[in-house]
N, C-alpha and C. Protein backbone atom coordinates (compact mmCIF):
# COMPACT_ATOMS: atom_id res chain seq x y z
N MET A 1 0.82 -1.20 0.00
CA MET A 1 0.00 0.00 0.00
C MET A 1 0.86 1.25 0.00
N VAL A 2 1.91 1.28 0.83
CA VAL A 2 2.81 2.43 0.91
C VAL A 2 3.53 2.62 -0.43
N LEU A 3 3.95 1.51 -1.03
CA LEU A 3 4.63 1.59 -2.31
C LEU A 3 3.72 2.15 -3.39
N ILE A 4 2.44 1.75 -3.36
CA ILE A 4 1.47 2.26 -4.33
C ILE A 4 1.29 3.77 -4.14
N MET A 5 1.15 4.23 -2.88
CA MET A 5 1.00 5.65 -2.62
C MET A 5 2.24 6.42 -3.05
N ASN A 6 3.42 5.87 -2.73
CA ASN A 6 4.66 6.54 -3.10
C ASN A 6 4.83 6.59 -4.62
N SER A 7 4.43 5.53 -5.31
CA SER A 7 4.56 5.54 -6.77
C SER A 7 3.60 6.56 -7.39
N LYS A 8 2.44 6.75 -6.78
CA LYS A 8 1.52 7.78 -7.29
C LYS A 8 2.08 9.18 -7.03
N LYS A 9 2.70 9.38 -5.88
CA LYS A 9 3.32 10.67 -5.59
C LYS A 9 4.48 10.93 -6.56
N PHE A 10 5.25 9.89 -6.82
CA PHE A 10 6.35 10.01 -7.76
C PHE A 10 5.82 10.34 -9.16
N ALA A 11 4.77 9.64 -9.57
CA ALA A 11 4.15 9.90 -10.88
C ALA A 11 3.62 11.32 -10.95
N SER A 12 3.04 11.80 -9.87
CA SER A 12 2.53 13.19 -9.83
C SER A 12 3.66 14.19 -9.97
N ALA A 13 4.79 13.90 -9.34
CA ALA A 13 5.96 14.79 -9.45
C ALA A 13 6.48 14.80 -10.89
N ILE A 14 6.52 13.64 -11.52
CA ILE A 14 6.96 13.55 -12.92
C ILE A 14 5.99 14.31 -13.82
N GLU A 15 4.70 14.19 -13.53
CA GLU A 15 3.68 14.89 -14.31
C GLU A 15 3.92 16.40 -14.28
N ILE A 16 4.24 16.93 -13.11
CA ILE A 16 4.49 18.36 -12.97
C ILE A 16 5.80 18.75 -13.67
N LEU A 17 6.83 17.96 -13.44
CA LEU A 17 8.14 18.24 -14.02
C LEU A 17 8.11 18.24 -15.54
N PHE A 18 7.32 17.33 -16.12
CA PHE A 18 7.26 17.21 -17.57
C PHE A 18 5.95 17.77 -18.14
N PHE A 19 5.35 18.73 -17.44
CA PHE A 19 4.18 19.42 -17.99
C PHE A 19 4.56 19.92 -19.38
N PRO A 20 3.69 19.78 -20.38
CA PRO A 20 4.09 20.05 -21.77
C PRO A 20 4.81 21.37 -22.02
N LEU A 21 4.44 22.42 -21.31
CA LEU A 21 5.10 23.70 -21.56
C LEU A 21 6.52 23.76 -21.02
N VAL A 22 6.85 22.93 -20.04
CA VAL A 22 8.20 22.99 -19.43
C VAL A 22 9.28 22.58 -20.43
N PRO A 23 9.22 21.38 -21.04
CA PRO A 23 10.28 21.05 -22.00
C PRO A 23 10.28 21.96 -23.23
N ILE A 24 9.09 22.42 -23.63
CA ILE A 24 9.01 23.33 -24.78
C ILE A 24 9.72 24.65 -24.45
N ALA A 25 9.43 25.21 -23.27
CA ALA A 25 10.09 26.46 -22.86
C ALA A 25 11.59 26.27 -22.75
N LEU A 26 12.02 25.14 -22.17
CA LEU A 26 13.46 24.87 -22.06
C LEU A 26 14.11 24.77 -23.44
N CYS A 27 13.40 24.19 -24.38
CA CYS A 27 13.91 24.07 -25.75
C CYS A 27 14.09 25.47 -26.35
N PHE A 28 13.09 26.33 -26.19
CA PHE A 28 13.19 27.70 -26.71
C PHE A 28 14.36 28.45 -26.06
N PHE A 29 14.52 28.32 -24.75
CA PHE A 29 15.61 29.01 -24.08
C PHE A 29 16.97 28.43 -24.49
N TYR A 30 17.04 27.13 -24.71
CA TYR A 30 18.29 26.53 -25.19
C TYR A 30 18.65 27.10 -26.55
N ILE A 31 17.70 27.13 -27.47
CA ILE A 31 17.95 27.67 -28.81
C ILE A 31 18.36 29.13 -28.72
N THR A 32 17.69 29.89 -27.85
CA THR A 32 17.98 31.32 -27.70
C THR A 32 19.40 31.57 -27.22
N PHE A 33 19.84 30.86 -26.20
CA PHE A 33 21.12 31.16 -25.58
C PHE A 33 22.31 30.41 -26.15
N PHE A 34 22.10 29.22 -26.69
CA PHE A 34 23.24 28.39 -27.05
C PHE A 34 23.35 28.06 -28.54
N VAL A 35 22.37 28.45 -29.34
CA VAL A 35 22.40 28.13 -30.76
C VAL A 35 22.18 29.43 -31.53
N GLY A 36 22.88 29.58 -32.63
CA GLY A 36 22.69 30.77 -33.46
C GLY A 36 23.49 31.96 -32.95
N ASN A 37 23.33 33.08 -33.62
CA ASN A 37 24.14 34.25 -33.29
C ASN A 37 23.32 35.53 -33.13
N MET A 38 22.05 35.43 -32.93
CA MET A 38 21.19 36.60 -32.78
C MET A 38 20.60 36.62 -31.36
N LEU A 39 21.47 36.61 -30.36
CA LEU A 39 21.03 36.47 -28.97
C LEU A 39 20.01 37.53 -28.58
N PHE A 40 20.29 38.81 -28.85
CA PHE A 40 19.40 39.88 -28.42
C PHE A 40 18.00 39.73 -29.03
N GLN A 41 17.94 39.55 -30.35
CA GLN A 41 16.65 39.41 -31.03
C GLN A 41 15.90 38.17 -30.54
N ASN A 42 16.62 37.06 -30.45
CA ASN A 42 15.98 35.82 -30.00
C ASN A 42 15.46 35.96 -28.57
N LEU A 43 16.27 36.55 -27.69
CA LEU A 43 15.87 36.72 -26.30
C LEU A 43 14.66 37.64 -26.19
N LEU A 44 14.68 38.72 -26.95
CA LEU A 44 13.55 39.66 -26.94
C LEU A 44 12.26 38.98 -27.38
N ILE A 45 12.34 38.19 -28.42
CA ILE A 45 11.14 37.52 -28.93
C ILE A 45 10.67 36.43 -27.96
N VAL A 46 11.59 35.62 -27.44
CA VAL A 46 11.20 34.55 -26.52
C VAL A 46 10.57 35.13 -25.26
N MET A 47 11.16 36.17 -24.72
CA MET A 47 10.62 36.78 -23.50
C MET A 47 9.26 37.44 -23.78
N THR A 48 9.15 38.15 -24.88
CA THR A 48 7.87 38.79 -25.24
C THR A 48 6.79 37.75 -25.46
N CYS A 49 7.11 36.69 -26.16
CA CYS A 49 6.11 35.64 -26.41
C CYS A 49 5.74 34.91 -25.12
N SER A 50 6.70 34.71 -24.23
CA SER A 50 6.39 34.07 -22.95
C SER A 50 5.45 34.93 -22.12
N ILE A 51 5.72 36.21 -22.07
CA ILE A 51 4.84 37.13 -21.33
C ILE A 51 3.48 37.20 -21.99
N THR A 52 3.46 37.24 -23.32
CA THR A 52 2.19 37.27 -24.05
C THR A 52 1.38 36.02 -23.76
N PHE A 53 2.04 34.87 -23.74
CA PHE A 53 1.33 33.62 -23.43
C PHE A 53 0.73 33.69 -22.03
N GLY A 54 1.53 34.13 -21.07
CA GLY A 54 1.04 34.21 -19.69
C GLY A 54 -0.16 35.13 -19.54
N ILE A 55 -0.08 36.30 -20.15
CA ILE A 55 -1.18 37.26 -20.06
C ILE A 55 -2.42 36.73 -20.76
N SER A 56 -2.24 36.20 -21.98
CA SER A 56 -3.42 35.69 -22.71
C SER A 56 -4.03 34.50 -21.98
N HIS A 57 -3.21 33.67 -21.36
CA HIS A 57 -3.74 32.53 -20.62
C HIS A 57 -4.52 33.00 -19.39
N LEU A 58 -4.02 34.02 -18.72
CA LEU A 58 -4.76 34.57 -17.57
C LEU A 58 -6.12 35.13 -17.99
N ILE A 59 -6.15 35.76 -19.15
CA ILE A 59 -7.41 36.35 -19.64
C ILE A 59 -8.41 35.26 -20.01
N VAL A 60 -7.96 34.24 -20.75
CA VAL A 60 -8.91 33.23 -21.22
C VAL A 60 -9.27 32.19 -20.16
N ARG A 61 -8.44 32.03 -19.15
CA ARG A 61 -8.73 30.97 -18.18
C ARG A 61 -9.99 31.22 -17.38
N ARG A 62 -10.38 32.45 -17.24
CA ARG A 62 -11.62 32.76 -16.52
C ARG A 62 -12.85 32.65 -17.41
N ARG A 63 -12.65 32.79 -18.70
CA ARG A 63 -13.79 32.81 -19.62
C ARG A 63 -14.06 31.46 -20.27
N ILE A 64 -13.05 30.63 -20.37
CA ILE A 64 -13.17 29.35 -21.08
C ILE A 64 -12.87 28.22 -20.11
N LYS A 65 -13.76 27.25 -20.08
CA LYS A 65 -13.61 26.12 -19.15
C LYS A 65 -12.72 25.02 -19.70
N GLU A 66 -12.83 24.74 -20.99
CA GLU A 66 -12.10 23.61 -21.56
C GLU A 66 -10.60 23.91 -21.64
N GLU A 67 -9.81 23.06 -21.03
CA GLU A 67 -8.36 23.26 -20.92
C GLU A 67 -7.68 23.32 -22.28
N ASN A 68 -8.09 22.47 -23.22
CA ASN A 68 -7.46 22.45 -24.54
C ASN A 68 -7.67 23.77 -25.27
N LYS A 69 -8.87 24.33 -25.16
CA LYS A 69 -9.14 25.60 -25.83
C LYS A 69 -8.29 26.72 -25.24
N LYS A 70 -8.09 26.71 -23.93
CA LYS A 70 -7.27 27.75 -23.29
C LYS A 70 -5.87 27.77 -23.89
N PHE A 71 -5.25 26.60 -23.98
CA PHE A 71 -3.89 26.54 -24.50
C PHE A 71 -3.85 26.83 -25.99
N PHE A 72 -4.85 26.40 -26.72
CA PHE A 72 -4.87 26.68 -28.15
C PHE A 72 -5.00 28.17 -28.41
N ILE A 73 -5.90 28.84 -27.69
CA ILE A 73 -6.09 30.29 -27.88
C ILE A 73 -4.81 31.03 -27.48
N SER A 74 -4.24 30.67 -26.35
CA SER A 74 -3.00 31.32 -25.91
C SER A 74 -1.87 31.07 -26.91
N SER A 75 -1.78 29.85 -27.42
CA SER A 75 -0.75 29.53 -28.41
C SER A 75 -0.96 30.31 -29.70
N SER A 76 -2.21 30.50 -30.10
CA SER A 76 -2.52 31.28 -31.30
C SER A 76 -2.11 32.74 -31.12
N VAL A 77 -2.40 33.30 -29.96
CA VAL A 77 -2.02 34.68 -29.68
C VAL A 77 -0.50 34.83 -29.74
N VAL A 78 0.21 33.87 -29.16
CA VAL A 78 1.67 33.91 -29.19
C VAL A 78 2.18 33.77 -30.62
N THR A 79 1.55 32.94 -31.42
CA THR A 79 1.95 32.78 -32.81
C THR A 79 1.86 34.11 -33.55
N PHE A 80 0.75 34.82 -33.37
CA PHE A 80 0.60 36.12 -34.03
C PHE A 80 1.64 37.12 -33.52
N ALA A 81 1.90 37.11 -32.21
CA ALA A 81 2.93 37.99 -31.64
C ALA A 81 4.30 37.66 -32.24
N PHE A 82 4.58 36.36 -32.37
CA PHE A 82 5.86 35.94 -32.94
C PHE A 82 5.99 36.42 -34.38
N ILE A 83 4.95 36.25 -35.17
CA ILE A 83 5.00 36.66 -36.59
C ILE A 83 5.26 38.17 -36.70
N ILE A 84 4.57 38.95 -35.89
CA ILE A 84 4.77 40.41 -35.91
C ILE A 84 6.20 40.76 -35.53
N LEU A 85 6.69 40.17 -34.44
CA LEU A 85 8.06 40.45 -34.00
C LEU A 85 9.09 39.95 -35.01
N TYR A 86 8.82 38.84 -35.63
CA TYR A 86 9.73 38.30 -36.63
C TYR A 86 9.92 39.31 -37.76
N TYR A 87 8.82 39.90 -38.22
CA TYR A 87 8.91 40.87 -39.31
C TYR A 87 9.51 42.20 -38.84
N LEU A 88 9.35 42.55 -37.58
CA LEU A 88 9.89 43.81 -37.07
C LEU A 88 11.39 43.75 -36.76
N ILE A 89 11.83 42.68 -36.10
CA ILE A 89 13.23 42.65 -35.67
C ILE A 89 14.02 41.45 -36.17
N GLY A 90 13.35 40.43 -36.68
CA GLY A 90 14.04 39.25 -37.17
C GLY A 90 14.50 38.33 -36.05
N VAL A 91 14.75 37.08 -36.40
CA VAL A 91 15.27 36.08 -35.46
C VAL A 91 16.22 35.18 -36.21
N SER A 92 16.93 34.35 -35.47
CA SER A 92 17.82 33.38 -36.11
C SER A 92 16.98 32.32 -36.81
N TRP A 93 17.57 31.69 -37.81
CA TRP A 93 16.84 30.65 -38.52
C TRP A 93 16.49 29.49 -37.59
N GLU A 94 17.33 29.26 -36.58
CA GLU A 94 17.08 28.17 -35.65
C GLU A 94 15.80 28.42 -34.83
N LEU A 95 15.65 29.64 -34.34
CA LEU A 95 14.45 29.96 -33.56
C LEU A 95 13.21 29.95 -34.46
N LEU A 96 13.35 30.43 -35.68
CA LEU A 96 12.23 30.38 -36.63
C LEU A 96 11.83 28.94 -36.90
N PHE A 97 12.81 28.07 -37.09
CA PHE A 97 12.57 26.65 -37.33
C PHE A 97 11.81 26.01 -36.16
N VAL A 98 12.27 26.26 -34.93
CA VAL A 98 11.62 25.70 -33.75
C VAL A 98 10.20 26.25 -33.61
N SER A 99 10.03 27.50 -33.91
CA SER A 99 8.69 28.11 -33.82
C SER A 99 7.72 27.51 -34.82
N ILE A 100 8.19 27.26 -36.03
CA ILE A 100 7.34 26.62 -37.05
C ILE A 100 6.91 25.24 -36.57
N ILE A 101 7.85 24.49 -36.01
CA ILE A 101 7.52 23.16 -35.50
C ILE A 101 6.44 23.25 -34.43
N TYR A 102 6.60 24.18 -33.49
CA TYR A 102 5.62 24.26 -32.40
C TYR A 102 4.28 24.82 -32.83
N ILE A 103 4.26 25.61 -33.89
CA ILE A 103 2.97 26.05 -34.45
C ILE A 103 2.25 24.84 -35.03
N VAL A 104 2.97 24.02 -35.78
CA VAL A 104 2.38 22.80 -36.36
C VAL A 104 1.92 21.86 -35.25
N ILE A 105 2.75 21.69 -34.22
CA ILE A 105 2.38 20.82 -33.11
C ILE A 105 1.13 21.32 -32.39
N ALA A 106 1.06 22.62 -32.15
CA ALA A 106 -0.11 23.19 -31.47
C ALA A 106 -1.39 22.95 -32.29
N LEU A 107 -1.30 23.18 -33.58
CA LEU A 107 -2.48 22.98 -34.44
C LEU A 107 -2.90 21.51 -34.48
N LEU A 108 -1.94 20.61 -34.68
CA LEU A 108 -2.27 19.19 -34.74
C LEU A 108 -2.76 18.65 -33.40
N THR A 109 -2.09 19.05 -32.33
CA THR A 109 -2.48 18.56 -31.01
C THR A 109 -3.89 19.00 -30.67
N TYR A 110 -4.20 20.26 -30.91
CA TYR A 110 -5.55 20.74 -30.61
C TYR A 110 -6.57 20.03 -31.48
N SER A 111 -6.25 19.86 -32.75
CA SER A 111 -7.19 19.18 -33.66
C SER A 111 -7.47 17.75 -33.20
N ILE A 112 -6.41 17.05 -32.80
CA ILE A 112 -6.58 15.67 -32.34
C ILE A 112 -7.29 15.62 -31.00
N ARG A 113 -6.88 16.49 -30.07
CA ARG A 113 -7.46 16.46 -28.71
C ARG A 113 -8.92 16.88 -28.71
N TYR A 114 -9.36 17.52 -29.74
CA TYR A 114 -10.78 17.87 -29.85
C TYR A 114 -11.63 16.60 -29.94
N HIS A 115 -11.04 15.54 -30.52
CA HIS A 115 -11.75 14.28 -30.71
C HIS A 115 -11.24 13.14 -29.83
N TRP A 116 -9.97 13.21 -29.45
CA TRP A 116 -9.32 12.10 -28.76
C TRP A 116 -8.22 12.65 -27.88
N LYS A 117 -8.03 12.11 -26.71
CA LYS A 117 -7.11 12.69 -25.72
C LYS A 117 -5.68 12.16 -25.89
N ILE A 118 -5.00 12.60 -26.93
CA ILE A 118 -3.60 12.23 -27.15
C ILE A 118 -2.75 12.87 -26.04
N SER A 119 -1.66 12.25 -25.68
CA SER A 119 -0.83 12.73 -24.57
C SER A 119 0.03 13.93 -24.98
N ALA A 120 -0.35 15.10 -24.49
CA ALA A 120 0.43 16.32 -24.75
C ALA A 120 1.76 16.29 -24.00
N HIS A 121 1.82 15.58 -22.86
CA HIS A 121 3.08 15.45 -22.13
C HIS A 121 4.12 14.75 -23.02
N MET A 122 3.69 13.68 -23.67
CA MET A 122 4.61 12.94 -24.53
C MET A 122 5.01 13.79 -25.74
N ILE A 123 4.06 14.47 -26.34
CA ILE A 123 4.36 15.32 -27.50
C ILE A 123 5.36 16.40 -27.10
N GLY A 124 5.08 17.09 -26.00
CA GLY A 124 5.94 18.19 -25.57
C GLY A 124 7.36 17.74 -25.25
N PHE A 125 7.48 16.66 -24.48
CA PHE A 125 8.80 16.18 -24.08
C PHE A 125 9.60 15.66 -25.28
N ILE A 126 8.99 14.77 -26.04
CA ILE A 126 9.73 14.14 -27.14
C ILE A 126 10.06 15.15 -28.23
N SER A 127 9.16 16.08 -28.52
CA SER A 127 9.48 17.09 -29.54
C SER A 127 10.63 17.97 -29.08
N ALA A 128 10.66 18.36 -27.80
CA ALA A 128 11.76 19.19 -27.29
C ALA A 128 13.09 18.45 -27.38
N VAL A 129 13.10 17.17 -27.00
CA VAL A 129 14.34 16.38 -27.07
C VAL A 129 14.77 16.21 -28.51
N THR A 130 13.83 15.94 -29.40
CA THR A 130 14.15 15.75 -30.81
C THR A 130 14.75 17.03 -31.40
N ILE A 131 14.13 18.17 -31.11
CA ILE A 131 14.64 19.44 -31.64
C ILE A 131 16.03 19.74 -31.08
N ALA A 132 16.20 19.61 -29.78
CA ALA A 132 17.50 19.89 -29.17
C ALA A 132 18.57 18.95 -29.74
N SER A 133 18.19 17.72 -30.06
CA SER A 133 19.13 16.74 -30.62
C SER A 133 19.58 17.10 -32.03
N PHE A 134 18.77 17.88 -32.76
CA PHE A 134 19.20 18.34 -34.08
C PHE A 134 20.44 19.23 -33.97
N PHE A 135 20.54 19.96 -32.87
CA PHE A 135 21.62 20.93 -32.69
C PHE A 135 22.79 20.39 -31.88
N GLN A 136 22.51 19.51 -30.93
CA GLN A 136 23.55 18.89 -30.10
C GLN A 136 23.20 17.42 -29.89
N LYS A 137 24.02 16.55 -30.38
CA LYS A 137 23.74 15.11 -30.33
C LYS A 137 23.68 14.55 -28.91
N HIS A 138 24.31 15.20 -27.93
CA HIS A 138 24.30 14.65 -26.58
C HIS A 138 22.90 14.68 -25.93
N PHE A 139 21.95 15.40 -26.53
CA PHE A 139 20.59 15.41 -26.01
C PHE A 139 19.86 14.09 -26.26
N TYR A 140 20.41 13.24 -27.14
CA TYR A 140 19.79 11.94 -27.40
C TYR A 140 19.60 11.12 -26.13
N VAL A 141 20.48 11.31 -25.16
CA VAL A 141 20.39 10.55 -23.91
C VAL A 141 19.05 10.80 -23.20
N LEU A 142 18.43 11.95 -23.44
CA LEU A 142 17.14 12.26 -22.80
C LEU A 142 16.00 11.36 -23.31
N TYR A 143 16.21 10.72 -24.46
CA TYR A 143 15.21 9.76 -24.93
C TYR A 143 15.02 8.62 -23.92
N LEU A 144 16.00 8.39 -23.08
CA LEU A 144 15.89 7.35 -22.06
C LEU A 144 14.79 7.66 -21.04
N LEU A 145 14.37 8.91 -20.96
CA LEU A 145 13.30 9.30 -20.02
C LEU A 145 11.89 9.08 -20.59
N ILE A 146 11.79 8.72 -21.84
CA ILE A 146 10.47 8.52 -22.46
C ILE A 146 9.62 7.50 -21.70
N PRO A 147 10.18 6.33 -21.35
CA PRO A 147 9.35 5.37 -20.59
C PRO A 147 8.87 5.94 -19.25
N LEU A 148 9.67 6.76 -18.61
CA LEU A 148 9.28 7.35 -17.33
C LEU A 148 8.08 8.28 -17.50
N VAL A 149 8.12 9.12 -18.51
CA VAL A 149 7.01 10.04 -18.76
C VAL A 149 5.76 9.25 -19.16
N GLY A 150 5.92 8.25 -20.01
CA GLY A 150 4.79 7.41 -20.40
C GLY A 150 4.20 6.66 -19.22
N TRP A 151 5.06 6.11 -18.37
CA TRP A 151 4.59 5.41 -17.17
C TRP A 151 3.77 6.34 -16.29
N CYS A 152 4.24 7.56 -16.12
CA CYS A 152 3.54 8.55 -15.29
C CYS A 152 2.12 8.78 -15.82
N ARG A 153 1.97 8.93 -17.13
CA ARG A 153 0.65 9.18 -17.72
C ARG A 153 -0.28 7.99 -17.51
N LEU A 154 0.29 6.79 -17.60
CA LEU A 154 -0.51 5.57 -17.40
C LEU A 154 -0.82 5.36 -15.92
N LYS A 155 0.16 5.55 -15.06
CA LYS A 155 -0.01 5.34 -13.62
C LYS A 155 -1.10 6.25 -13.05
N LEU A 156 -1.13 7.48 -13.51
CA LEU A 156 -2.13 8.44 -13.02
C LEU A 156 -3.47 8.32 -13.75
N LYS A 157 -3.52 7.36 -14.69
CA LYS A 157 -4.73 7.09 -15.46
C LYS A 157 -5.23 8.32 -16.23
N ARG A 158 -4.28 9.10 -16.72
CA ARG A 158 -4.62 10.27 -17.53
C ARG A 158 -4.84 9.87 -18.99
N HIS A 159 -4.19 8.77 -19.38
CA HIS A 159 -4.25 8.28 -20.77
C HIS A 159 -4.20 6.77 -20.78
N ASP A 160 -4.60 6.22 -21.92
CA ASP A 160 -4.37 4.79 -22.12
C ASP A 160 -3.09 4.62 -22.94
N ILE A 161 -2.68 3.41 -23.14
CA ILE A 161 -1.41 3.12 -23.82
C ILE A 161 -1.38 3.67 -25.24
N TYR A 162 -2.53 3.66 -25.92
CA TYR A 162 -2.59 4.15 -27.31
C TYR A 162 -2.38 5.66 -27.37
N GLN A 163 -2.94 6.39 -26.42
CA GLN A 163 -2.79 7.84 -26.38
C GLN A 163 -1.34 8.22 -26.07
N VAL A 164 -0.71 7.47 -25.18
CA VAL A 164 0.70 7.72 -24.85
C VAL A 164 1.57 7.40 -26.06
N PHE A 165 1.32 6.27 -26.70
CA PHE A 165 2.10 5.88 -27.87
C PHE A 165 1.92 6.88 -29.01
N ALA A 166 0.69 7.29 -29.26
CA ALA A 166 0.42 8.26 -30.33
C ALA A 166 1.11 9.59 -30.05
N GLY A 167 1.10 10.04 -28.79
CA GLY A 167 1.80 11.27 -28.43
C GLY A 167 3.30 11.14 -28.66
N SER A 168 3.84 9.96 -28.37
CA SER A 168 5.27 9.72 -28.58
C SER A 168 5.62 9.82 -30.07
N ILE A 169 4.81 9.17 -30.87
CA ILE A 169 5.06 9.17 -32.32
C ILE A 169 4.95 10.59 -32.88
N LEU A 170 3.89 11.30 -32.52
CA LEU A 170 3.69 12.66 -33.02
C LEU A 170 4.83 13.58 -32.55
N GLY A 171 5.26 13.42 -31.30
CA GLY A 171 6.34 14.24 -30.77
C GLY A 171 7.66 14.05 -31.50
N PHE A 172 7.84 12.90 -32.11
CA PHE A 172 9.06 12.65 -32.88
C PHE A 172 8.87 12.98 -34.35
N VAL A 173 7.74 12.59 -34.91
CA VAL A 173 7.52 12.70 -36.36
C VAL A 173 7.43 14.16 -36.82
N ILE A 174 6.74 15.01 -36.08
CA ILE A 174 6.57 16.40 -36.53
C ILE A 174 7.91 17.13 -36.62
N PRO A 175 8.74 17.14 -35.57
CA PRO A 175 10.03 17.83 -35.73
C PRO A 175 10.91 17.18 -36.79
N PHE A 176 10.93 15.85 -36.84
CA PHE A 176 11.78 15.16 -37.80
C PHE A 176 11.34 15.48 -39.23
N THR A 177 10.04 15.43 -39.48
CA THR A 177 9.50 15.73 -40.81
C THR A 177 9.77 17.17 -41.19
N THR A 178 9.54 18.09 -40.27
CA THR A 178 9.77 19.51 -40.54
C THR A 178 11.25 19.74 -40.84
N PHE A 179 12.12 19.15 -40.06
CA PHE A 179 13.56 19.28 -40.28
C PHE A 179 13.93 18.74 -41.65
N SER A 180 13.37 17.59 -42.02
CA SER A 180 13.66 16.97 -43.31
C SER A 180 13.18 17.83 -44.48
N LEU A 181 12.04 18.50 -44.30
CA LEU A 181 11.50 19.35 -45.38
C LEU A 181 12.35 20.61 -45.58
N PHE A 182 12.89 21.17 -44.51
CA PHE A 182 13.63 22.41 -44.60
C PHE A 182 15.12 22.23 -44.85
N PHE A 183 15.66 21.07 -44.48
CA PHE A 183 17.12 20.90 -44.60
C PHE A 183 17.46 19.64 -45.34
C-alpha cells in the first residue's frame, strides 16, 4: 500500500516536471542562448512571447472552461505575436525553425485532442528532445526518459497506452519531418 501511494506521488511529481510547456520552454531558451548568433533578437522575442502567453492565458482561463481551448487560444495569440516580431526585428533561422515546428504541433495537437485525448506530455517532451538533438547530439540521452514520462501518464490514469504511444510518435515525427523538409 505504501509503495502504491509513493509511486503515485512520484508519478505526480513527474507529471508536474514534464508538464508540456516545461520542455518546450526549455527548448526555446536553449535555442535562444546556445544556438545561433542573434542572442538579443531571440531573447527579446522569446521573453515577449512568454509574457504574451502568460497574459493571454490569464485572460482566457476565466472565460473558457475547456483546458485544450485555453492553451490553443494562448498559443494562437503567441503565434501572431511571434510573426509580428519576426517581421519587425528578425530572429535566427534556428528559432524560426523551432517556432514553425511548435505552431504545427499546437495545431495538430488541438485538432486531435478535440476528438481524442492524445498525450500532450509525450508530445511536448519528445518534440523538445528531438529538436535539441538536431543541434547537439548529446541530447539523445534524454530519450531514455520517455518510458518514465509514459509510465507517469498511465499510472495516473490520464491516458491509455494508445494515447501515450500516439503522443510519442507525433512528438518525434513532426520535428523530424519539418527538419527533413527544410534541410
